[in-house]
């Protein structure tokens, strides 16, 4: 779909894509989904190792001295947050890295909208991320590696998501939501494989073997995208502005502000969701009995459970949503986001209750925690992307889809800050705090849902 208002008017009158070959969706969705799957494989593979790698190896005495620029970087963090232990420093770096990974898509969207176009931005992003994974092979270039990964992800991530939205007519809300759910399911394939394989290689051959595999898969993402180039949405044509285009500016501003409000409300559940790849892994390493049926479970493997759950549950949720839709009971997008918030809150409640038992916790507790997070993710993240893609003004679509990731930027900064308190609290108190954060977010979304629906879509909540 074009970003141009004149082309958009033509596309709204056009029939839906005639050729549908990928789970009933446009064929380009396959290439976009698998590109993102391989990219997420590399991202989550690295993500599942990062906090443990820093706290158990890279940032410990005898190793931290080899990291270029770490002295000044640590001094800057301690100036803002106070003295940091090794775990506190690892949590802050992880939070900043994950946060800026989700901040730069806004800039990537602006660059694609104004300068390069989506396709060139995605290719450049994949190349930068590949270079970042290569730099992870050396302790000295650790901070450079994170910088390259952050920059590359900014160019790639938001623009891939925008291209998914461009496969559907503006008024095809249901098709768009299901398309993004399939896209998210492909992401979760990568999110399952990354921690499993990178974690296993790291346990057998060392940290850098796991990081090396992540780099290989990033190159495969680039190859997949280039292979599907001819199927991707065409770059927007440059046409003259439609007369009176500026007259709708006031309505657009209202929609944009309401979308930012929804993004802000989603920060609460993002905090309680994404803690599973930070302090969640530290808690598993310290408090969970990892021996299961005679096998020592790698800690990184717990990062695969929630995306695997999302894959397995997606078809079931499609059936449930279709059943609810046929009876006029399917929640709208904001309602689904609220459901996701409460499911993520329930997951953290399991962690809090398990921590009260004392001693080593059964491996089944974090498994149940991650399963619930996987279900909550399906209600929350693809729905949020689909809503913004549908409601955003056409000429700001890539920028606003990129702005969705601002909520994850804020959430991950908070996750890093909150994680630094873990050593000063009991585990039960820490997870109880997570429960409180999730509850506040879920209640706020429910209370504001009717007003937000009217502002964003001109509808009343059903």
Protein backbone atom coordinates (compact mmCIF):
# COMPACT_ATOMS: atom_id res chain seq x y z
CA UNK A 1 0.00 0.00 0.00
CA UNK A 2 1.25 3.45 -0.83
CA UNK A 3 1.79 6.15 1.76
CA UNK A 4 0.50 8.74 -0.69
CA UNK A 5 -3.09 9.94 -0.04
CA UNK A 6 -4.03 9.86 -3.73
CA UNK A 7 -2.80 6.28 -4.18
CA UNK A 8 -4.44 5.31 -0.92
CA UNK A 9 -7.81 6.43 -2.23
CA UNK A 10 -7.34 4.18 -5.28
CA UNK A 11 -6.24 1.22 -3.13
CA UNK A 12 -9.25 1.51 -0.83
CA UNK A 13 -11.48 1.05 -3.87
CA UNK A 14 -9.41 -1.87 -5.19
CA UNK A 15 -10.22 -5.49 -4.40
CA UNK A 16 -8.21 -7.37 -1.82
CA UNK A 17 -5.11 -9.19 -2.99
CA UNK A 18 -6.27 -11.83 -5.44
CA UNK A 19 -3.31 -14.16 -5.01
CA UNK A 20 -3.20 -15.71 -1.56
CA UNK A 21 -0.80 -18.57 -1.06
CA UNK A 22 0.66 -18.31 2.45
CA UNK A 23 -1.89 -19.52 5.00
CA UNK A 24 -4.49 -17.70 2.90
CA UNK A 25 -2.43 -14.50 2.88
CA UNK A 26 -0.49 -12.60 0.17
CA UNK A 27 2.68 -14.47 -0.89
CA UNK A 28 4.91 -11.55 0.12
CA UNK A 29 3.96 -12.26 3.74
CA UNK A 30 6.01 -15.48 3.58
CA UNK A 31 9.23 -13.65 2.69
CA UNK A 32 8.65 -10.92 5.26
CA UNK A 33 7.76 -13.46 7.95
CA UNK A 34 10.78 -15.67 7.35
CA UNK A 35 13.12 -12.68 7.14
CA UNK A 36 11.87 -11.60 10.53
CA UNK A 37 12.02 -15.20 11.82
CA UNK A 38 15.75 -15.51 11.05
CA UNK A 39 16.42 -12.01 12.37
CA UNK A 40 14.57 -12.83 15.59
CA UNK A 41 16.45 -16.14 15.79
CA UNK A 42 19.69 -14.16 15.96
CA UNK A 43 18.23 -11.50 18.29
CA UNK A 44 16.69 -13.85 20.85
CA UNK A 45 19.63 -16.22 20.65
CA UNK A 46 21.89 -13.36 21.72
CA UNK A 47 19.28 -12.03 24.14
CA UNK A 48 19.03 -15.34 26.01
CA UNK A 49 22.77 -15.29 26.70
CA UNK A 50 23.45 -11.59 27.24
CA UNK A 51 22.73 -11.05 30.96
CA UNK A 52 24.32 -14.34 31.99
CA UNK A 53 27.33 -13.70 29.72
CA UNK A 54 27.89 -10.25 31.20
CA UNK A 55 27.26 -11.14 34.86
CA UNK A 56 29.16 -14.44 34.84
CA UNK A 57 31.99 -13.64 32.43
CA UNK A 58 32.46 -10.38 30.55
CA UNK A 59 31.94 -7.90 33.40
CA UNK A 60 33.84 -9.88 36.04
CA UNK A 61 37.38 -8.96 37.18
CA UNK A 62 39.99 -10.18 34.72
CA UNK A 63 37.64 -9.76 31.75
CA UNK A 64 35.95 -6.38 32.09
CA UNK A 65 39.31 -4.65 31.64
CA UNK A 66 39.46 -5.93 28.04
CA UNK A 67 36.20 -4.24 26.95
CA UNK A 68 36.98 -1.06 25.05
CA UNK A 69 35.30 2.00 26.58
CA UNK A 70 33.68 0.15 29.49
CA UNK A 71 35.33 2.33 32.15
CA UNK A 72 33.80 5.56 30.96
CA UNK A 73 30.50 3.89 30.17
CA UNK A 74 30.25 2.40 33.67
CA UNK A 75 31.17 5.75 35.24
CA UNK A 76 28.37 7.44 33.30
CA UNK A 77 25.82 4.84 34.42
CA UNK A 78 26.92 5.05 38.05
CA UNK A 79 26.68 8.84 37.89
CA UNK A 80 22.99 8.44 36.97
CA UNK A 81 22.00 5.37 39.00
CA UNK A 82 24.56 5.11 41.82
CA UNK A 83 27.12 2.39 42.45
CA UNK A 84 26.41 -0.78 40.47
CA UNK A 85 27.34 -4.35 41.29
CA UNK A 86 28.30 -6.71 38.47
CA UNK A 87 24.69 -7.91 38.19
CA UNK A 88 23.38 -4.36 38.45
CA UNK A 89 25.69 -3.23 35.65
CA UNK A 90 24.67 -6.20 33.51
CA UNK A 91 20.98 -5.42 34.09
CA UNK A 92 21.45 -1.76 33.17
CA UNK A 93 23.38 -2.57 29.98
CA UNK A 94 20.80 -5.19 28.99
CA UNK A 95 17.99 -2.70 29.62
CA UNK A 96 19.69 0.05 27.62
CA UNK A 97 20.51 -2.31 24.75
CA UNK A 98 16.99 -3.75 24.57
CA UNK A 99 15.49 -0.30 25.02
CA UNK A 100 17.44 1.34 22.21
CA UNK A 101 16.78 -1.65 19.94
CA UNK A 102 13.14 -0.58 20.21
CA UNK A 103 13.82 3.16 20.05
CA UNK A 104 15.74 3.29 16.78
CA UNK A 105 12.84 1.90 14.65
CA UNK A 106 11.29 5.36 14.99
CA UNK A 107 14.34 6.87 13.30
CA UNK A 108 14.38 3.99 10.84
CA UNK A 109 10.79 4.75 9.89
CA UNK A 110 11.60 8.43 9.36
CA UNK A 111 14.60 7.54 7.19
CA UNK A 112 12.49 5.14 5.11
CA UNK A 113 9.60 7.61 4.79
CA UNK A 114 11.76 10.59 3.85
CA UNK A 115 14.94 9.26 2.25
CA UNK A 116 15.66 5.64 1.37
CA UNK A 117 12.35 3.80 1.11
CA UNK A 118 11.51 0.64 3.06
CA UNK A 119 13.46 -1.88 0.99
CA UNK A 120 16.83 -0.13 1.10
CA UNK A 121 16.42 0.54 4.83
CA UNK A 122 15.78 -3.15 5.56
CA UNK A 123 18.81 -4.28 3.53
CA UNK A 124 21.09 -1.73 5.23
CA UNK A 125 19.76 -2.76 8.62
CA UNK A 126 20.45 -6.45 7.97
CA UNK A 127 24.04 -5.67 6.92
CA UNK A 128 24.68 -3.59 10.06
CA UNK A 129 23.23 -6.28 12.31
CA UNK A 130 25.43 -8.92 10.65
CA UNK A 131 28.47 -6.73 11.38
CA UNK A 132 27.30 -6.38 14.98
CA UNK A 133 27.12 -10.14 15.47
CA UNK A 134 30.62 -10.47 14.04
CA UNK A 135 31.88 -7.87 16.54
CA UNK A 136 30.37 -9.94 19.41
CA UNK A 137 33.09 -12.52 18.79
CA UNK A 138 35.62 -10.25 20.55
CA UNK A 139 35.45 -8.94 24.11
CA UNK A 140 37.10 -5.65 23.14
CA UNK A 141 34.41 -4.76 20.60
CA UNK A 142 31.43 -5.59 22.85
CA UNK A 143 30.07 -2.04 23.09
CA UNK A 144 30.64 -1.50 19.36
CA UNK A 145 28.74 -4.72 18.67
CA UNK A 146 25.73 -3.54 20.66
CA UNK A 147 25.82 -0.17 18.85
CA UNK A 148 25.80 -1.85 15.43
CA UNK A 149 22.96 -4.17 16.44
CA UNK A 150 20.90 -1.26 17.76
CA UNK A 151 21.41 0.81 14.59
CA UNK A 152 20.70 -2.08 12.23
CA UNK A 153 17.58 -3.14 14.08
CA UNK A 154 16.28 0.41 13.85
CA UNK A 155 16.45 0.34 10.07
CA UNK A 156 15.07 -3.18 9.72
CA UNK A 157 12.41 -3.83 12.33
CA UNK A 158 9.80 -1.10 11.92
CA UNK A 159 10.06 -1.14 8.14
CA UNK A 160 9.47 -4.90 7.95
CA UNK A 161 6.32 -4.47 10.07
CA UNK A 162 5.14 -1.59 7.90
CA UNK A 163 5.49 -3.70 4.76
CA UNK A 164 3.26 -6.35 6.35
CA UNK A 165 0.56 -3.73 6.87
CA UNK A 166 0.90 -2.58 3.26
CA UNK A 167 -0.24 -6.00 2.01
CA UNK A 168 -3.84 -5.27 3.09
CA UNK A 169 -6.53 -2.79 2.17
CA UNK A 170 -7.09 0.04 4.60
CA UNK A 171 -10.55 -1.31 5.52
CA UNK A 172 -9.44 -4.96 5.92
CA UNK A 173 -9.05 -4.86 9.70
CA UNK A 174 -9.66 -8.57 10.27
CA UNK A 175 -7.28 -9.68 7.52
CA UNK A 176 -4.62 -7.28 8.76
CA UNK A 177 -4.91 -8.55 12.35
CA UNK A 178 -4.59 -12.17 11.22
CA UNK A 179 -1.71 -11.27 8.92
CA UNK A 180 0.16 -9.71 11.82
CA UNK A 181 -0.65 -12.72 14.00
CA UNK A 182 0.90 -15.03 11.37
CA UNK A 183 3.86 -12.66 11.10
CA UNK A 184 4.26 -12.78 14.88
CA UNK A 185 4.01 -16.58 14.81
CA UNK A 186 6.95 -16.66 12.38
CA UNK A 187 8.83 -14.32 14.72
CA UNK A 188 8.21 -16.81 17.49
CA UNK A 189 9.71 -19.65 15.45
CA UNK A 190 12.93 -17.66 15.51
CA UNK A 191 12.46 -16.80 19.16
CA UNK A 192 12.14 -20.53 19.97
CA UNK A 193 15.13 -21.67 17.92
CA UNK A 194 17.48 -18.88 19.00
CA UNK A 195 17.67 -19.63 22.74
CA UNK A 196 17.56 -23.41 22.18
CA UNK A 197 20.44 -23.65 19.72
CA UNK A 198 22.51 -20.65 20.80
CA UNK A 199 22.09 -21.66 24.45
CA UNK A 200 23.13 -25.25 23.73
CA UNK A 201 26.20 -24.19 21.75
CA UNK A 202 27.17 -21.74 24.50
CA UNK A 203 26.88 -24.47 27.15
CA UNK A 204 28.99 -26.94 25.12
CA UNK A 205 31.59 -24.76 23.34
CA UNK A 206 31.42 -21.41 25.11
CA UNK A 207 29.65 -18.07 24.83
CA UNK A 208 31.11 -17.02 21.48
CA UNK A 209 29.92 -20.19 19.74
CA UNK A 210 26.35 -19.19 20.61
CA UNK A 211 26.92 -15.63 19.40
CA UNK A 212 28.50 -16.94 16.18
CA UNK A 213 25.39 -18.96 15.30
CA UNK A 214 23.27 -15.83 15.82
CA UNK A 215 25.44 -14.04 13.25
CA UNK A 216 25.02 -16.81 10.65
CA UNK A 217 21.24 -16.66 10.99
CA UNK A 218 21.27 -12.88 10.51
CA UNK A 219 22.94 -13.40 7.14
CA UNK A 220 20.23 -15.92 6.27
CA UNK A 221 17.61 -13.26 7.08
CA UNK A 222 19.21 -10.93 4.56
CA UNK A 223 19.30 -13.67 1.90
CA UNK A 224 15.61 -14.45 2.48
CA UNK A 225 14.59 -10.81 2.09
CA UNK A 226 16.56 -10.42 -1.14
CA UNK A 227 15.06 -13.65 -2.51
CA UNK A 228 11.56 -12.25 -2.06
CA UNK A 229 12.33 -8.76 -3.34
CA UNK A 230 10.04 -8.98 -6.38
CA UNK A 231 7.04 -9.99 -4.25
CA UNK A 232 7.32 -7.10 -1.78
CA UNK A 233 5.05 -4.05 -1.80
CA UNK A 234 6.20 -1.55 -4.44
CA UNK A 235 7.80 1.68 -3.22
CA UNK A 236 5.27 4.55 -3.05
CA UNK A 237 5.06 6.55 -6.25
CA UNK A 238 5.68 10.28 -6.05
CA UNK A 239 2.50 12.12 -6.95
CA UNK A 240 1.15 15.57 -6.39
CA UNK A 241 -0.61 16.30 -3.14
CA UNK A 242 -4.35 15.96 -3.21
CA UNK A 243 -6.20 19.23 -2.86
CA UNK A 244 -7.49 19.71 0.61
CA UNK A 245 -5.07 17.10 2.01
CA UNK A 246 -4.15 19.39 4.90
CA UNK A 247 -7.79 19.85 5.89
CA UNK A 248 -7.82 16.54 7.76
CA UNK A 249 -4.79 17.47 9.85
CA UNK A 250 -6.78 18.06 13.05
CA UNK A 251 -8.39 14.61 12.94
CA UNK A 252 -5.01 13.05 12.24
CA UNK A 253 -3.52 14.73 15.29
CA UNK A 254 -6.30 13.32 17.50
CA UNK A 255 -5.70 9.82 16.13
CA UNK A 256 -1.94 10.07 16.57
CA UNK A 257 -2.27 11.27 20.18
CA UNK A 258 -4.72 8.48 20.99
CA UNK A 259 -2.38 5.89 19.46
CA UNK A 260 0.48 7.20 21.57
CA UNK A 261 -1.75 6.90 24.65
CA UNK A 262 -2.39 3.23 23.84
CA UNK A 263 1.33 2.66 23.33
CA UNK A 264 2.03 4.30 26.71
CA UNK A 265 -0.50 2.05 28.46
CA UNK A 266 1.13 -1.03 26.92
CA UNK A 267 4.41 -0.17 28.70
CA UNK A 268 3.08 -1.70 31.94
CA UNK A 269 2.63 -5.15 30.44
CA UNK A 270 5.83 -4.89 28.43
CA UNK A 271 7.70 -4.43 31.72
CA UNK A 272 6.15 -7.55 33.25
CA UNK A 273 6.53 -9.52 30.01
CA UNK A 274 10.13 -8.80 29.01
CA UNK A 275 11.59 -9.26 32.49
CA UNK A 276 11.65 -12.97 31.57
CA UNK A 277 14.79 -12.44 29.45
CA UNK A 278 16.57 -10.39 32.11
CA UNK A 279 16.15 -10.99 35.84
CA UNK A 280 13.84 -13.90 34.99
CA UNK A 281 16.86 -15.86 33.72
CA UNK A 282 18.98 -14.81 36.71
CA UNK A 283 16.21 -16.05 39.05
CA UNK A 284 16.01 -19.37 37.20
CA UNK A 285 19.78 -19.81 37.43
CA UNK A 286 19.79 -19.11 41.19
CA UNK A 287 16.51 -20.54 42.49
CA UNK A 288 15.26 -23.30 40.18
CA UNK A 289 16.21 -26.97 40.25
CA UNK A 290 17.34 -27.40 36.65
CA UNK A 291 17.67 -31.19 36.81
CA UNK A 292 14.76 -32.72 34.93
CA UNK A 293 14.55 -36.44 34.07
CA UNK A 294 18.31 -36.75 34.48
CA UNK A 295 19.10 -33.79 32.19
CA UNK A 296 20.55 -30.43 33.21
CA UNK A 297 18.36 -27.86 31.44
CA UNK A 298 20.32 -24.88 30.02
CA UNK A 299 19.03 -21.65 31.53
CA UNK A 300 18.81 -20.02 28.09
CA UNK A 301 16.21 -22.60 27.05
CA UNK A 302 13.59 -20.93 29.21
CA UNK A 303 13.66 -18.08 26.68
CA UNK A 304 12.14 -20.47 24.13
CA UNK A 305 9.07 -21.51 26.08
CA UNK A 306 6.88 -18.43 25.69
CA UNK A 307 7.45 -18.07 21.90
CA UNK A 308 6.85 -21.82 21.45
CA UNK A 309 3.58 -21.40 23.34
CA UNK A 310 2.64 -18.53 21.02
CA UNK A 311 3.24 -20.75 18.00
CA UNK A 312 1.16 -23.62 19.35
CA UNK A 313 -1.65 -21.43 20.63
CA UNK A 314 -2.00 -19.12 17.63
CA UNK A 315 -4.23 -21.54 15.63
CA UNK A 316 -6.37 -22.13 18.73
CA UNK A 317 -6.78 -18.41 19.29
CA UNK A 318 -7.72 -17.93 15.62
CA UNK A 319 -10.51 -20.47 16.14
CA UNK A 320 -11.58 -18.81 19.40
CA UNK A 321 -11.61 -15.33 17.86
CA UNK A 322 -13.57 -16.59 14.85
CA UNK A 323 -16.09 -18.27 17.18
CA UNK A 324 -16.40 -15.05 19.21
CA UNK A 325 -16.68 -12.97 16.04
CA UNK A 326 -19.53 -15.07 14.67
CA UNK A 327 -21.43 -14.41 17.90
CA UNK A 328 -20.55 -10.73 18.09
CA UNK A 329 -18.34 -11.30 21.15
CA UNK A 330 -14.80 -10.96 19.79
CA UNK A 331 -12.95 -8.29 21.80
CA UNK A 332 -11.79 -5.27 19.83
CA UNK A 333 -8.06 -4.55 19.55
CA UNK A 334 -7.86 -2.55 22.79
CA UNK A 335 -9.88 -5.20 24.61
CA UNK A 336 -7.42 -7.88 23.47
CA UNK A 337 -4.52 -5.77 24.70
CA UNK A 338 -6.19 -5.61 28.13
CA UNK A 339 -6.62 -9.40 28.17
CA UNK A 340 -2.92 -9.76 27.40
CA UNK A 341 -2.03 -7.50 30.34
CA UNK A 342 -3.97 -9.63 32.82
CA UNK A 343 -2.51 -12.88 31.47
CA UNK A 344 1.04 -11.51 31.86
CA UNK A 345 0.14 -10.41 35.39
CA UNK A 346 -1.05 -13.93 36.25
CA UNK A 347 2.27 -15.31 34.95
CA UNK A 348 4.22 -13.10 37.34
CA UNK A 349 1.94 -14.15 40.19
CA UNK A 350 3.19 -17.73 39.64
CA UNK A 351 6.77 -16.52 40.11
CA UNK A 352 5.85 -14.67 43.30
CA UNK A 353 4.06 -17.67 44.82
CA UNK A 354 6.83 -20.08 43.81
CA UNK A 355 9.41 -17.83 45.47
CA UNK A 356 7.58 -18.12 48.81
CA UNK A 357 8.24 -21.86 49.02
CA UNK A 358 11.92 -21.52 49.98
CA UNK A 359 14.73 -23.65 48.63
CA UNK A 360 15.02 -24.69 45.01
CA UNK A 361 11.83 -24.22 42.99
CA UNK A 362 10.48 -26.93 40.70
CA UNK A 363 11.30 -26.40 37.04
CA UNK A 364 7.55 -26.50 36.36
CA UNK A 365 7.03 -23.04 37.93
CA UNK A 366 9.05 -21.02 35.38
CA UNK A 367 7.66 -23.26 32.62
CA UNK A 368 4.10 -22.29 33.63
CA UNK A 369 5.21 -18.65 33.89
CA UNK A 370 6.57 -18.65 30.34
CA UNK A 371 3.55 -20.51 28.94
CA UNK A 372 1.20 -17.82 30.22
CA UNK A 373 3.48 -15.11 28.85
CA UNK A 374 3.31 -16.78 25.43
CA UNK A 375 -0.50 -16.66 25.43
CA UNK A 376 -0.51 -13.08 26.67
CA UNK A 377 1.88 -12.06 23.89
CA UNK A 378 -0.60 -13.16 21.20
CA UNK A 379 -3.32 -10.99 22.70
CA UNK A 380 -1.08 -8.01 23.11
CA UNK A 381 1.75 -7.41 20.64
CA UNK A 382 0.43 -8.40 17.16
CA UNK A 383 -2.86 -6.73 18.05
CA UNK A 384 -1.10 -3.48 18.94
CA UNK A 385 0.86 -3.51 15.66
CA UNK A 386 -2.29 -4.24 13.66
CA UNK A 387 -4.22 -1.43 15.35
CA UNK A 388 -1.54 1.18 14.67
CA UNK A 389 -1.05 -0.04 11.11
CA UNK A 390 -4.80 0.26 10.47
CA UNK A 391 -5.50 3.56 12.23
CA UNK A 392 -2.33 5.56 11.51
CA UNK A 393 -2.60 8.36 8.93
CA UNK A 394 -1.25 7.11 5.59
CA UNK A 395 1.61 9.59 5.26
CA UNK A 396 2.84 8.79 8.80
CA UNK A 397 2.28 5.04 8.74
CA UNK A 398 5.91 3.84 8.76
CA UNK A 399 6.85 6.43 11.38
CA UNK A 400 3.97 5.46 13.68
CA UNK A 401 4.50 1.72 13.28
CA UNK A 402 8.12 2.39 14.20
CA UNK A 403 6.86 4.45 17.14
CA UNK A 404 5.09 1.39 18.55
CA UNK A 405 8.55 0.18 19.49
CA UNK A 406 8.98 3.31 21.64
CA UNK A 407 6.81 1.54 24.21
CA UNK A 408 9.39 -1.25 24.32
CA UNK A 409 12.19 1.34 24.54
CA UNK A 410 10.62 2.83 27.66
CA UNK A 411 9.73 -0.60 29.06
CA UNK A 412 13.25 -1.96 28.69
CA UNK A 413 14.82 1.10 30.29
CA UNK A 414 12.48 0.49 33.21
CA UNK A 415 13.29 -3.23 33.21
CA UNK A 416 17.01 -2.47 33.52
CA UNK A 417 16.37 0.02 36.33
CA UNK A 418 13.96 -2.29 38.17
CA UNK A 419 16.32 -5.24 37.75
CA UNK A 420 19.06 -3.43 39.66
CA UNK A 421 16.83 -3.67 42.79
CA UNK A 422 16.63 -7.46 42.58
CA UNK A 423 19.63 -7.99 44.87
CA UNK A 424 18.11 -5.74 47.57
CA UNK A 425 14.70 -7.50 47.64
CA UNK A 426 13.47 -11.00 48.31
CA UNK A 427 12.49 -12.85 45.11
CA UNK A 428 8.86 -12.99 46.26
CA UNK A 429 8.80 -9.21 46.79
CA UNK A 430 10.41 -8.60 43.41
CA UNK A 431 7.85 -10.71 41.52
CA UNK A 432 5.06 -9.22 43.65
CA UNK A 433 6.13 -5.80 42.41
CA UNK A 434 5.85 -7.12 38.85
CA UNK A 435 2.30 -8.29 39.58
CA UNK A 436 1.35 -4.82 40.83
CA UNK A 437 2.76 -3.18 37.70
CA UNK A 438 0.77 -5.51 35.44
CA UNK A 439 -2.47 -4.98 37.34
CA UNK A 440 -2.19 -1.20 37.11
CA UNK A 441 -1.67 -1.40 33.36
CA UNK A 442 -4.56 -3.79 32.75
CA UNK A 443 -7.02 -1.75 34.79
CA UNK A 444 -6.04 1.51 33.08
CA UNK A 445 -6.56 -0.01 29.64
CA UNK A 446 -10.02 -1.31 30.58
CA UNK A 447 -11.10 2.02 32.07
CA UNK A 448 -9.91 4.08 29.10
CA UNK A 449 -10.94 1.60 26.40
CA UNK A 450 -14.27 3.24 25.37
CA UNK A 451 -12.74 6.70 25.00
CA UNK A 452 -9.70 5.42 23.11
CA UNK A 453 -11.88 3.45 20.69
CA UNK A 454 -13.88 6.57 19.86
CA UNK A 455 -10.74 8.67 19.32
CA UNK A 456 -8.82 6.12 17.26
CA UNK A 457 -11.50 4.38 15.22
CA UNK A 458 -14.62 6.47 15.77
CA UNK A 459 -16.25 3.43 17.38
CA UNK A 460 -17.89 2.56 20.64
CA UNK A 461 -16.47 -0.40 22.54
CA UNK A 462 -18.59 -3.50 22.13
